[in-house]
């Protein structure tokens, strides 16, 4: 039986898959946890996220939030007041990813050892 190019691994490229693209948006130690926190508690402020994540530096949290905002998964709302107030919420695009995270939670609950 002759396999088509699409079915043959030698012609495949992982980077071209939807799976790869999704992983590129949520990869890393904290991004899925940040998204999960926003799904459960939005809107959430920076310090609240930091307390939720426990051992995360300001720099790391800030970098992850900037990347999630760049990828249009979260929205940053800055209120013009003193002291400054900043809140994070999920965008519609971010909310559309929540069913995937819900499935991860379901699988984890069902398969926890």
PDB file of N, CA and C in Angstrom:
ATOM      1  N   UNK A   1       0.850  -1.177   0.000  1.00  0.00           N
ATOM      2  CA  UNK A   1       0.000   0.000   0.000  1.00  0.00           C
ATOM      3  C   UNK A   1       0.896   1.241   0.000  1.00  0.00           C
ATOM      4  N   UNK A   2       0.626   2.172  -0.858  1.00  0.00           N
ATOM      5  CA  UNK A   2       1.386   3.411  -0.951  1.00  0.00           C
ATOM      6  C   UNK A   2       0.688   4.466  -0.104  1.00  0.00           C
ATOM      7  N   UNK A   3       1.464   5.097   0.793  1.00  0.00           N
ATOM      8  CA  UNK A   3       0.900   6.139   1.650  1.00  0.00           C
ATOM      9  C   UNK A   3       1.034   7.496   0.967  1.00  0.00           C
ATOM     10  N   UNK A   4       0.044   8.325   1.141  1.00  0.00           N
ATOM     11  CA  UNK A   4       0.115   9.669   0.571  1.00  0.00           C
ATOM     12  C   UNK A   4       1.114  10.502   1.360  1.00  0.00           C
ATOM     13  N   UNK A   5       1.552  11.604   0.784  1.00  0.00           N
ATOM     14  CA  UNK A   5       2.499  12.505   1.452  1.00  0.00           C
ATOM     15  C   UNK A   5       1.943  12.989   2.786  1.00  0.00           C
ATOM     16  N   UNK A   6       0.617  13.229   2.840  1.00  0.00           N
ATOM     17  CA  UNK A   6      -0.015  13.738   4.053  1.00  0.00           C
ATOM     18  C   UNK A   6       0.081  12.728   5.199  1.00  0.00           C
ATOM     19  N   UNK A   7       0.049  11.450   4.901  1.00  0.00           N
ATOM     20  CA  UNK A   7       0.078  10.432   5.934  1.00  0.00           C
ATOM     21  C   UNK A   7       1.498  10.015   6.308  1.00  0.00           C
ATOM     22  N   UNK A   8       2.469  10.399   5.535  1.00  0.00           N
ATOM     23  CA  UNK A   8       3.843   9.972   5.744  1.00  0.00           C
ATOM     24  C   UNK A   8       4.578  10.970   6.639  1.00  0.00           C
ATOM     25  N   UNK A   9       5.202  10.480   7.684  1.00  0.00           N
ATOM     26  CA  UNK A   9       5.881  11.369   8.629  1.00  0.00           C
ATOM     27  C   UNK A   9       7.067  12.090   8.004  1.00  0.00           C
ATOM     28  N   UNK A  10       7.687  11.498   6.998  1.00  0.00           N
ATOM     29  CA  UNK A  10       8.847  12.152   6.392  1.00  0.00           C
ATOM     30  C   UNK A  10       8.477  13.471   5.708  1.00  0.00           C
ATOM     31  N   UNK A  11       7.234  13.616   5.310  1.00  0.00           N
ATOM     32  CA  UNK A  11       6.790  14.863   4.684  1.00  0.00           C
ATOM     33  C   UNK A  11       6.060  15.783   5.642  1.00  0.00           C
ATOM     34  N   UNK A  12       5.974  15.367   6.902  1.00  0.00           N
ATOM     35  CA  UNK A  12       5.208  16.139   7.880  1.00  0.00           C
ATOM     36  C   UNK A  12       6.080  17.184   8.571  1.00  0.00           C
ATOM     37  N   UNK A  13       5.434  18.245   9.013  1.00  0.00           N
ATOM     38  CA  UNK A  13       6.129  19.300   9.738  1.00  0.00           C
ATOM     39  C   UNK A  13       5.258  19.710  10.924  1.00  0.00           C
ATOM     40  N   UNK A  14       5.720  19.409  12.126  1.00  0.00           N
ATOM     41  CA  UNK A  14       4.952  19.687  13.338  1.00  0.00           C
ATOM     42  C   UNK A  14       4.577  21.159  13.442  1.00  0.00           C
ATOM     43  N   UNK A  15       5.491  22.055  13.053  1.00  0.00           N
ATOM     44  CA  UNK A  15       5.230  23.494  13.173  1.00  0.00           C
ATOM     45  C   UNK A  15       4.040  23.955  12.347  1.00  0.00           C
ATOM     46  N   UNK A  16       3.616  23.172  11.370  1.00  0.00           N
ATOM     47  CA  UNK A  16       2.490  23.548  10.517  1.00  0.00           C
ATOM     48  C   UNK A  16       1.140  23.097  11.075  1.00  0.00           C
ATOM     49  N   UNK A  17       1.134  22.460  12.236  1.00  0.00           N
ATOM     50  CA  UNK A  17      -0.113  21.926  12.776  1.00  0.00           C
ATOM     51  C   UNK A  17      -0.809  22.931  13.690  1.00  0.00           C
ATOM     52  N   UNK A  18      -2.114  22.772  13.817  1.00  0.00           N
ATOM     53  CA  UNK A  18      -2.880  23.583  14.756  1.00  0.00           C
ATOM     54  C   UNK A  18      -2.460  23.312  16.188  1.00  0.00           C
ATOM     55  N   UNK A  19      -2.075  22.068  16.457  1.00  0.00           N
ATOM     56  CA  UNK A  19      -1.602  21.693  17.788  1.00  0.00           C
ATOM     57  C   UNK A  19      -0.366  22.505  18.160  1.00  0.00           C
ATOM     58  N   UNK A  20       0.555  22.613  17.224  1.00  0.00           N
ATOM     59  CA  UNK A  20       1.779  23.384  17.459  1.00  0.00           C
ATOM     60  C   UNK A  20       1.455  24.855  17.717  1.00  0.00           C
ATOM     61  N   UNK A  21       0.535  25.412  16.923  1.00  0.00           N
ATOM     62  CA  UNK A  21       0.161  26.814  17.099  1.00  0.00           C
ATOM     63  C   UNK A  21      -0.450  27.047  18.485  1.00  0.00           C
ATOM     64  N   UNK A  22      -1.363  26.161  18.889  1.00  0.00           N
ATOM     65  CA  UNK A  22      -1.996  26.297  20.199  1.00  0.00           C
ATOM     66  C   UNK A  22      -0.959  26.219  21.308  1.00  0.00           C
ATOM     67  N   UNK A  23      -0.041  25.255  21.210  1.00  0.00           N
ATOM     68  CA  UNK A  23       1.021  25.136  22.214  1.00  0.00           C
ATOM     69  C   UNK A  23       1.884  26.391  22.267  1.00  0.00           C
ATOM     70  N   UNK A  24       2.127  27.008  21.126  1.00  0.00           N
ATOM     71  CA  UNK A  24       2.958  28.216  21.112  1.00  0.00           C
ATOM     72  C   UNK A  24       2.293  29.353  21.894  1.00  0.00           C
ATOM     73  N   UNK A  25       0.967  29.355  21.960  1.00  0.00           N
ATOM     74  CA  UNK A  25       0.252  30.410  22.683  1.00  0.00           C
ATOM     75  C   UNK A  25       0.214  30.161  24.186  1.00  0.00           C
ATOM     76  N   UNK A  26       0.164  28.884  24.597  1.00  0.00           N
ATOM     77  CA  UNK A  26      -0.038  28.585  26.016  1.00  0.00           C
ATOM     78  C   UNK A  26       1.140  27.870  26.657  1.00  0.00           C
ATOM     79  N   UNK A  27       2.252  27.744  25.931  1.00  0.00           N
ATOM     80  CA  UNK A  27       3.400  27.029  26.493  1.00  0.00           C
ATOM     81  C   UNK A  27       4.070  27.851  27.586  1.00  0.00           C
ATOM     82  N   UNK A  28       4.812  27.178  28.395  1.00  0.00           N
ATOM     83  CA  UNK A  28       5.490  27.840  29.503  1.00  0.00           C
ATOM     84  C   UNK A  28       4.889  27.407  30.816  1.00  0.00           C
ATOM     85  N   UNK A  29       5.541  27.775  31.868  1.00  0.00           N
ATOM     86  CA  UNK A  29       5.161  27.315  33.200  1.00  0.00           C
ATOM     87  C   UNK A  29       3.879  27.968  33.723  1.00  0.00           C
ATOM     88  N   UNK A  30       3.590  29.207  33.300  1.00  0.00           N
ATOM     89  CA  UNK A  30       2.521  29.963  33.948  1.00  0.00           C
ATOM     90  C   UNK A  30       1.334  30.342  33.073  1.00  0.00           C
ATOM     91  N   UNK A  31       1.459  30.314  31.772  1.00  0.00           N
ATOM     92  CA  UNK A  31       0.399  30.857  30.921  1.00  0.00           C
ATOM     93  C   UNK A  31      -0.950  30.175  31.109  1.00  0.00           C
ATOM     94  N   UNK A  32      -0.960  28.855  31.140  1.00  0.00           N
ATOM     95  CA  UNK A  32      -2.245  28.163  31.324  1.00  0.00           C
ATOM     96  C   UNK A  32      -2.834  28.466  32.692  1.00  0.00           C
ATOM     97  N   UNK A  33      -1.986  28.611  33.699  1.00  0.00           N
ATOM     98  CA  UNK A  33      -2.466  28.923  35.040  1.00  0.00           C
ATOM     99  C   UNK A  33      -3.038  30.335  35.089  1.00  0.00           C
ATOM    100  N   UNK A  34      -2.402  31.270  34.414  1.00  0.00           N
ATOM    101  CA  UNK A  34      -2.911  32.645  34.336  1.00  0.00           C
ATOM    102  C   UNK A  34      -4.277  32.638  33.655  1.00  0.00           C
ATOM    103  N   UNK A  35      -4.389  31.948  32.537  1.00  0.00           N
ATOM    104  CA  UNK A  35      -5.658  31.873  31.814  1.00  0.00           C
ATOM    105  C   UNK A  35      -6.738  31.226  32.674  1.00  0.00           C
ATOM    106  N   UNK A  36      -6.373  30.163  33.373  1.00  0.00           N
ATOM    107  CA  UNK A  36      -7.322  29.479  34.250  1.00  0.00           C
ATOM    108  C   UNK A  36      -7.796  30.416  35.369  1.00  0.00           C
ATOM    109  N   UNK A  37      -6.875  31.151  35.963  1.00  0.00           N
ATOM    110  CA  UNK A  37      -7.214  32.111  37.013  1.00  0.00           C
ATOM    111  C   UNK A  37      -8.183  33.172  36.487  1.00  0.00           C
ATOM    112  N   UNK A  38      -7.910  33.678  35.294  1.00  0.00           N
ATOM    113  CA  UNK A  38      -8.801  34.692  34.715  1.00  0.00           C
ATOM    114  C   UNK A  38     -10.175  34.100  34.404  1.00  0.00           C
ATOM    115  N   UNK A  39     -10.198  32.852  33.970  1.00  0.00           N
ATOM    116  CA  UNK A  39     -11.466  32.199  33.677  1.00  0.00           C
ATOM    117  C   UNK A  39     -12.309  32.098  34.958  1.00  0.00           C
ATOM    118  N   UNK A  40     -11.671  31.782  36.069  1.00  0.00           N
ATOM    119  CA  UNK A  40     -12.382  31.587  37.331  1.00  0.00           C
ATOM    120  C   UNK A  40     -12.733  32.884  38.056  1.00  0.00           C
ATOM    121  N   UNK A  41     -11.849  33.889  37.976  1.00  0.00           N
ATOM    122  CA  UNK A  41     -11.984  35.036  38.873  1.00  0.00           C
ATOM    123  C   UNK A  41     -12.012  36.401  38.199  1.00  0.00           C
ATOM    124  N   UNK A  42     -12.069  36.474  36.874  1.00  0.00           N
ATOM    125  CA  UNK A  42     -11.894  37.779  36.227  1.00  0.00           C
ATOM    126  C   UNK A  42     -12.923  38.788  36.682  1.00  0.00           C
ATOM    127  N   UNK A  43     -12.562  40.078  36.712  1.00  0.00           N
ATOM    128  CA  UNK A  43     -11.249  40.628  36.397  1.00  0.00           C
ATOM    129  C   UNK A  43     -10.270  40.388  37.549  1.00  0.00           C
ATOM    130  N   UNK A  44      -9.001  40.316  37.209  1.00  0.00           N
ATOM    131  CA  UNK A  44      -7.957  40.045  38.194  1.00  0.00           C
ATOM    132  C   UNK A  44      -6.858  41.092  38.063  1.00  0.00           C
ATOM    133  N   UNK A  45      -6.380  41.565  39.196  1.00  0.00           N
ATOM    134  CA  UNK A  45      -5.290  42.539  39.202  1.00  0.00           C
ATOM    135  C   UNK A  45      -3.947  41.825  39.299  1.00  0.00           C
ATOM    136  N   UNK A  46      -2.881  42.554  38.968  1.00  0.00           N
ATOM    137  CA  UNK A  46      -1.531  41.996  38.929  1.00  0.00           C
ATOM    138  C   UNK A  46      -1.154  41.313  40.245  1.00  0.00           C
ATOM    139  N   UNK A  47      -1.345  42.013  41.364  1.00  0.00           N
ATOM    140  CA  UNK A  47      -0.957  41.465  42.671  1.00  0.00           C
ATOM    141  C   UNK A  47      -1.777  40.235  43.036  1.00  0.00           C
ATOM    142  N   UNK A  48      -3.054  40.208  42.610  1.00  0.00           N
ATOM    143  CA  UNK A  48      -3.887  39.032  42.864  1.00  0.00           C
ATOM    144  C   UNK A  48      -3.346  37.821  42.102  1.00  0.00           C
ATOM    145  N   UNK A  49      -2.943  38.056  40.850  1.00  0.00           N
ATOM    146  CA  UNK A  49      -2.339  36.982  40.063  1.00  0.00           C
ATOM    147  C   UNK A  49      -1.058  36.480  40.717  1.00  0.00           C
ATOM    148  N   UNK A  50      -0.266  37.398  41.189  1.00  0.00           N
ATOM    149  CA  UNK A  50       1.002  37.038  41.824  1.00  0.00           C
ATOM    150  C   UNK A  50       0.766  36.193  43.078  1.00  0.00           C
ATOM    151  N   UNK A  51      -0.233  36.561  43.876  1.00  0.00           N
ATOM    152  CA  UNK A  51      -0.555  35.768  45.067  1.00  0.00           C
ATOM    153  C   UNK A  51      -1.090  34.388  44.670  1.00  0.00           C
ATOM    154  N   UNK A  52      -1.887  34.324  43.619  1.00  0.00           N
ATOM    155  CA  UNK A  52      -2.463  33.064  43.149  1.00  0.00           C
ATOM    156  C   UNK A  52      -1.368  32.113  42.664  1.00  0.00           C
ATOM    157  N   UNK A  53      -0.375  32.670  41.975  1.00  0.00           N
ATOM    158  CA  UNK A  53       0.697  31.858  41.396  1.00  0.00           C
ATOM    159  C   UNK A  53       1.822  31.574  42.398  1.00  0.00           C
ATOM    160  N   UNK A  54       1.790  32.210  43.541  1.00  0.00           N
ATOM    161  CA  UNK A  54       2.758  32.035  44.626  1.00  0.00           C
ATOM    162  C   UNK A  54       4.178  32.442  44.265  1.00  0.00           C
ATOM    163  N   UNK A  55       4.973  31.566  43.703  1.00  0.00           N
ATOM    164  CA  UNK A  55       6.397  31.838  43.492  1.00  0.00           C
ATOM    165  C   UNK A  55       6.688  32.286  42.073  1.00  0.00           C
ATOM    166  N   UNK A  56       6.254  33.472  41.750  1.00  0.00           N
ATOM    167  CA  UNK A  56       6.531  34.035  40.425  1.00  0.00           C
ATOM    168  C   UNK A  56       7.054  35.454  40.625  1.00  0.00           C
ATOM    169  N   UNK A  57       8.108  35.792  39.907  1.00  0.00           N
ATOM    170  CA  UNK A  57       8.676  37.135  40.044  1.00  0.00           C
ATOM    171  C   UNK A  57       7.821  38.139  39.271  1.00  0.00           C
ATOM    172  N   UNK A  58       7.962  39.413  39.639  1.00  0.00           N
ATOM    173  CA  UNK A  58       7.270  40.489  38.913  1.00  0.00           C
ATOM    174  C   UNK A  58       7.610  40.427  37.431  1.00  0.00           C
ATOM    175  N   UNK A  59       8.892  40.249  37.144  1.00  0.00           N
ATOM    176  CA  UNK A  59       9.361  40.248  35.757  1.00  0.00           C
ATOM    177  C   UNK A  59       8.740  39.107  34.954  1.00  0.00           C
ATOM    178  N   UNK A  60       8.715  37.906  35.530  1.00  0.00           N
ATOM    179  CA  UNK A  60       8.169  36.747  34.828  1.00  0.00           C
ATOM    180  C   UNK A  60       6.671  36.899  34.600  1.00  0.00           C
ATOM    181  N   UNK A  61       5.947  37.339  35.625  1.00  0.00           N
ATOM    182  CA  UNK A  61       4.505  37.543  35.473  1.00  0.00           C
ATOM    183  C   UNK A  61       4.228  38.610  34.430  1.00  0.00           C
ATOM    184  N   UNK A  62       4.955  39.710  34.501  1.00  0.00           N
ATOM    185  CA  UNK A  62       4.777  40.796  33.539  1.00  0.00           C
ATOM    186  C   UNK A  62       5.034  40.319  32.109  1.00  0.00           C
ATOM    187  N   UNK A  63       6.087  39.543  31.920  1.00  0.00           N
ATOM    188  CA  UNK A  63       6.432  39.026  30.594  1.00  0.00           C
ATOM    189  C   UNK A  63       5.340  38.091  30.069  1.00  0.00           C
ATOM    190  N   UNK A  64       4.841  37.191  30.923  1.00  0.00           N
ATOM    191  CA  UNK A  64       3.778  36.276  30.508  1.00  0.00           C
ATOM    192  C   UNK A  64       2.506  37.029  30.154  1.00  0.00           C
ATOM    193  N   UNK A  65       2.158  38.035  30.948  1.00  0.00           N
ATOM    194  CA  UNK A  65       0.966  38.834  30.662  1.00  0.00           C
ATOM    195  C   UNK A  65       1.107  39.585  29.344  1.00  0.00           C
ATOM    196  N   UNK A  66       2.290  40.148  29.083  1.00  0.00           N
ATOM    197  CA  UNK A  66       2.528  40.852  27.816  1.00  0.00           C
ATOM    198  C   UNK A  66       2.388  39.908  26.624  1.00  0.00           C
ATOM    199  N   UNK A  67       2.900  38.688  26.765  1.00  0.00           N
ATOM    200  CA  UNK A  67       2.798  37.718  25.668  1.00  0.00           C
ATOM    201  C   UNK A  67       1.349  37.297  25.438  1.00  0.00           C
ATOM    202  N   UNK A  68       0.602  37.069  26.517  1.00  0.00           N
ATOM    203  CA  UNK A  68      -0.809  36.705  26.373  1.00  0.00           C
ATOM    204  C   UNK A  68      -1.612  37.855  25.769  1.00  0.00           C
ATOM    205  N   UNK A  69      -1.263  39.079  26.132  1.00  0.00           N
ATOM    206  CA  UNK A  69      -1.927  40.255  25.558  1.00  0.00           C
ATOM    207  C   UNK A  69      -1.555  40.406  24.083  1.00  0.00           C
ATOM    208  N   UNK A  70      -0.291  40.207  23.745  1.00  0.00           N
ATOM    209  CA  UNK A  70       0.166  40.268  22.354  1.00  0.00           C
ATOM    210  C   UNK A  70      -0.557  39.243  21.485  1.00  0.00           C
ATOM    211  N   UNK A  71      -0.809  38.068  22.059  1.00  0.00           N
ATOM    212  CA  UNK A  71      -1.491  37.002  21.327  1.00  0.00           C
ATOM    213  C   UNK A  71      -3.009  37.141  21.373  1.00  0.00           C
ATOM    214  N   UNK A  72      -3.476  38.252  21.946  1.00  0.00           N
ATOM    215  CA  UNK A  72      -4.890  38.600  22.003  1.00  0.00           C
ATOM    216  C   UNK A  72      -5.741  37.587  22.782  1.00  0.00           C
ATOM    217  N   UNK A  73      -5.130  37.003  23.820  1.00  0.00           N
ATOM    218  CA  UNK A  73      -5.867  36.087  24.682  1.00  0.00           C
ATOM    219  C   UNK A  73      -6.385  36.776  25.934  1.00  0.00           C
ATOM    220  N   UNK A  74      -5.723  37.879  26.327  1.00  0.00           N
ATOM    221  CA  UNK A  74      -6.179  38.649  27.476  1.00  0.00           C
ATOM    222  C   UNK A  74      -6.217  40.134  27.111  1.00  0.00           C
ATOM    223  N   UNK A  75      -6.971  40.872  27.925  1.00  0.00           N
ATOM    224  CA  UNK A  75      -7.069  42.325  27.753  1.00  0.00           C
ATOM    225  C   UNK A  75      -6.590  42.987  29.045  1.00  0.00           C
ATOM    226  N   UNK A  76      -5.809  44.018  28.880  1.00  0.00           N
ATOM    227  CA  UNK A  76      -5.295  44.790  30.015  1.00  0.00           C
ATOM    228  C   UNK A  76      -6.037  46.115  30.048  1.00  0.00           C
ATOM    229  N   UNK A  77      -6.727  46.371  31.143  1.00  0.00           N
ATOM    230  CA  UNK A  77      -7.462  47.628  31.314  1.00  0.00           C
ATOM    231  C   UNK A  77      -6.731  48.475  32.338  1.00  0.00           C
ATOM    232  N   UNK A  78      -6.316  49.668  31.909  1.00  0.00           N
ATOM    233  CA  UNK A  78      -5.598  50.590  32.792  1.00  0.00           C
ATOM    234  C   UNK A  78      -6.554  51.722  33.162  1.00  0.00           C
ATOM    235  N   UNK A  79      -6.760  51.902  34.458  1.00  0.00           N
ATOM    236  CA  UNK A  79      -7.648  52.960  34.942  1.00  0.00           C
ATOM    237  C   UNK A  79      -6.812  54.178  35.316  1.00  0.00           C
ATOM    238  N   UNK A  80      -7.201  55.354  34.820  1.00  0.00           N
ATOM    239  CA  UNK A  80      -6.431  56.580  35.084  1.00  0.00           C
ATOM    240  C   UNK A  80      -6.710  57.123  36.488  1.00  0.00           C
ATOM    241  N   UNK A  81      -6.034  56.564  37.453  1.00  0.00           N
ATOM    242  CA  UNK A  81      -6.188  57.017  38.833  1.00  0.00           C
ATOM    243  C   UNK A  81      -4.863  56.852  39.555  1.00  0.00           C
ATOM    244  N   UNK A  82      -4.801  57.426  40.737  1.00  0.00           N
ATOM    245  CA  UNK A  82      -3.595  57.307  41.542  1.00  0.00           C
ATOM    246  C   UNK A  82      -3.994  56.654  42.857  1.00  0.00           C
ATOM    247  N   UNK A  83      -3.375  55.551  43.251  1.00  0.00           N
ATOM    248  CA  UNK A  83      -2.372  54.790  42.495  1.00  0.00           C
ATOM    249  C   UNK A  83      -3.004  54.115  41.276  1.00  0.00           C
ATOM    250  N   UNK A  84      -2.192  53.806  40.273  1.00  0.00           N
ATOM    251  CA  UNK A  84      -2.725  53.196  39.059  1.00  0.00           C
ATOM    252  C   UNK A  84      -3.415  51.856  39.349  1.00  0.00           C
ATOM    253  N   UNK A  85      -4.474  51.620  38.632  1.00  0.00           N
ATOM    254  CA  UNK A  85      -5.216  50.368  38.772  1.00  0.00           C
ATOM    255  C   UNK A  85      -5.214  49.678  37.417  1.00  0.00           C
ATOM    256  N   UNK A  86      -4.796  48.408  37.393  1.00  0.00           N
ATOM    257  CA  UNK A  86      -4.748  47.624  36.167  1.00  0.00           C
ATOM    258  C   UNK A  86      -5.468  46.310  36.410  1.00  0.00           C
ATOM    259  N   UNK A  87      -6.380  45.961  35.509  1.00  0.00           N
ATOM    260  CA  UNK A  87      -7.102  44.697  35.607  1.00  0.00           C
ATOM    261  C   UNK A  87      -6.937  43.911  34.315  1.00  0.00           C
ATOM    262  N   UNK A  88      -6.919  42.600  34.456  1.00  0.00           N
ATOM    263  CA  UNK A  88      -6.795  41.702  33.310  1.00  0.00           C
ATOM    264  C   UNK A  88      -8.051  40.853  33.188  1.00  0.00           C
ATOM    265  N   UNK A  89      -8.507  40.705  31.953  1.00  0.00           N
ATOM    266  CA  UNK A  89      -9.655  39.861  31.649  1.00  0.00           C
ATOM    267  C   UNK A  89      -9.347  39.058  30.381  1.00  0.00           C
ATOM    268  N   UNK A  90     -10.135  38.027  30.162  1.00  0.00           N
ATOM    269  CA  UNK A  90     -10.004  37.252  28.936  1.00  0.00           C
ATOM    270  C   UNK A  90     -10.669  37.986  27.784  1.00  0.00           C
ATOM    271  N   UNK A  91     -10.078  37.911  26.618  1.00  0.00           N
ATOM    272  CA  UNK A  91     -10.730  38.408  25.411  1.00  0.00           C
ATOM    273  C   UNK A  91     -11.671  37.313  24.914  1.00  0.00           C
ATOM    274  N   UNK A  92     -12.454  37.612  23.897  1.00  0.00           N
ATOM    275  CA  UNK A  92     -13.312  36.585  23.299  1.00  0.00           C
ATOM    276  C   UNK A  92     -12.451  35.432  22.773  1.00  0.00           C
ATOM    277  N   UNK A  93     -11.315  35.776  22.204  1.00  0.00           N
ATOM    278  CA  UNK A  93     -10.399  34.747  21.706  1.00  0.00           C
ATOM    279  C   UNK A  93      -9.888  33.887  22.866  1.00  0.00           C
ATOM    280  N   UNK A  94      -9.558  34.512  23.979  1.00  0.00           N
ATOM    281  CA  UNK A  94      -9.114  33.785  25.163  1.00  0.00           C
ATOM    282  C   UNK A  94     -10.215  32.899  25.723  1.00  0.00           C
ATOM    283  N   UNK A  95     -11.441  33.428  25.739  1.00  0.00           N
ATOM    284  CA  UNK A  95     -12.577  32.641  26.231  1.00  0.00           C
ATOM    285  C   UNK A  95     -12.805  31.410  25.357  1.00  0.00           C
ATOM    286  N   UNK A  96     -12.539  31.540  24.065  1.00  0.00           N
ATOM    287  CA  UNK A  96     -12.743  30.398  23.170  1.00  0.00           C
ATOM    288  C   UNK A  96     -11.757  29.266  23.457  1.00  0.00           C
ATOM    289  N   UNK A  97     -10.671  29.567  24.128  1.00  0.00           N
ATOM    290  CA  UNK A  97      -9.668  28.567  24.502  1.00  0.00           C
ATOM    291  C   UNK A  97     -10.038  27.848  25.802  1.00  0.00           C
ATOM    292  N   UNK A  98     -10.998  28.380  26.531  1.00  0.00           N
ATOM    293  CA  UNK A  98     -11.333  27.829  27.845  1.00  0.00           C
ATOM    294  C   UNK A  98     -11.918  26.425  27.772  1.00  0.00           C
ATOM    295  N   UNK A  99     -12.598  26.078  26.703  1.00  0.00           N
ATOM    296  CA  UNK A  99     -13.116  24.712  26.593  1.00  0.00           C
ATOM    297  C   UNK A  99     -11.971  23.706  26.541  1.00  0.00           C
ATOM    298  N   UNK A 100     -10.849  24.100  25.941  1.00  0.00           N
ATOM    299  CA  UNK A 100      -9.669  23.238  25.896  1.00  0.00           C
ATOM    300  C   UNK A 100      -9.106  23.072  27.305  1.00  0.00           C
ATOM    301  N   UNK A 101      -8.992  24.170  28.055  1.00  0.00           N
ATOM    302  CA  UNK A 101      -8.482  24.091  29.427  1.00  0.00           C
ATOM    303  C   UNK A 101      -9.439  23.305  30.317  1.00  0.00           C
ATOM    304  N   UNK A 102     -10.743  23.467  30.089  1.00  0.00           N
ATOM    305  CA  UNK A 102     -11.725  22.688  30.844  1.00  0.00           C
ATOM    306  C   UNK A 102     -11.523  21.194  30.627  1.00  0.00           C
ATOM    307  N   UNK A 103     -11.245  20.809  29.398  1.00  0.00           N
ATOM    308  CA  UNK A 103     -11.009  19.396  29.094  1.00  0.00           C
ATOM    309  C   UNK A 103      -9.754  18.884  29.791  1.00  0.00           C
ATOM    310  N   UNK A 104      -8.714  19.719  29.864  1.00  0.00           N
ATOM    311  CA  UNK A 104      -7.507  19.330  30.604  1.00  0.00           C
ATOM    312  C   UNK A 104      -7.830  19.111  32.083  1.00  0.00           C
ATOM    313  N   UNK A 105      -8.655  19.990  32.651  1.00  0.00           N
ATOM    314  CA  UNK A 105      -9.049  19.845  34.054  1.00  0.00           C
ATOM    315  C   UNK A 105      -9.851  18.560  34.252  1.00  0.00           C
ATOM    316  N   UNK A 106     -10.794  18.301  33.371  1.00  0.00           N
ATOM    317  CA  UNK A 106     -11.611  17.092  33.457  1.00  0.00           C
ATOM    318  C   UNK A 106     -10.742  15.853  33.386  1.00  0.00           C
ATOM    319  N   UNK A 107      -9.829  15.833  32.420  1.00  0.00           N
ATOM    320  CA  UNK A 107      -8.944  14.681  32.281  1.00  0.00           C
ATOM    321  C   UNK A 107      -8.103  14.497  33.548  1.00  0.00           C
ATOM    322  N   UNK A 108      -7.579  15.592  34.072  1.00  0.00           N
ATOM    323  CA  UNK A 108      -6.764  15.518  35.288  1.00  0.00           C
ATOM    324  C   UNK A 108      -7.539  14.996  36.474  1.00  0.00           C
ATOM    325  N   UNK A 109      -8.773  15.462  36.635  1.00  0.00           N
ATOM    326  CA  UNK A 109      -9.597  14.984  37.737  1.00  0.00           C
ATOM    327  C   UNK A 109      -9.925  13.501  37.601  1.00  0.00           C
ATOM    328  N   UNK A 110     -10.156  13.053  36.382  1.00  0.00           N
ATOM    329  CA  UNK A 110     -10.521  11.658  36.147  1.00  0.00           C
ATOM    330  C   UNK A 110      -9.321  10.717  36.214  1.00  0.00           C
ATOM    331  N   UNK A 111      -8.119  11.223  36.003  1.00  0.00           N
ATOM    332  CA  UNK A 111      -6.942  10.367  35.924  1.00  0.00           C
ATOM    333  C   UNK A 111      -5.910  10.631  37.006  1.00  0.00           C
ATOM    334  N   UNK A 112      -6.270  11.417  37.991  1.00  0.00           N
ATOM    335  CA  UNK A 112      -5.348  11.724  39.087  1.00  0.00           C
ATOM    336  C   UNK A 112      -5.050  10.449  39.871  1.00  0.00           C
ATOM    337  N   UNK A 113      -3.807  10.228  40.139  1.00  0.00           N
ATOM    338  CA  UNK A 113      -3.414   9.020  40.882  1.00  0.00           C
ATOM    339  C   UNK A 113      -3.295   9.291  42.359  1.00  0.00           C
TER     340      UNK A 113
END
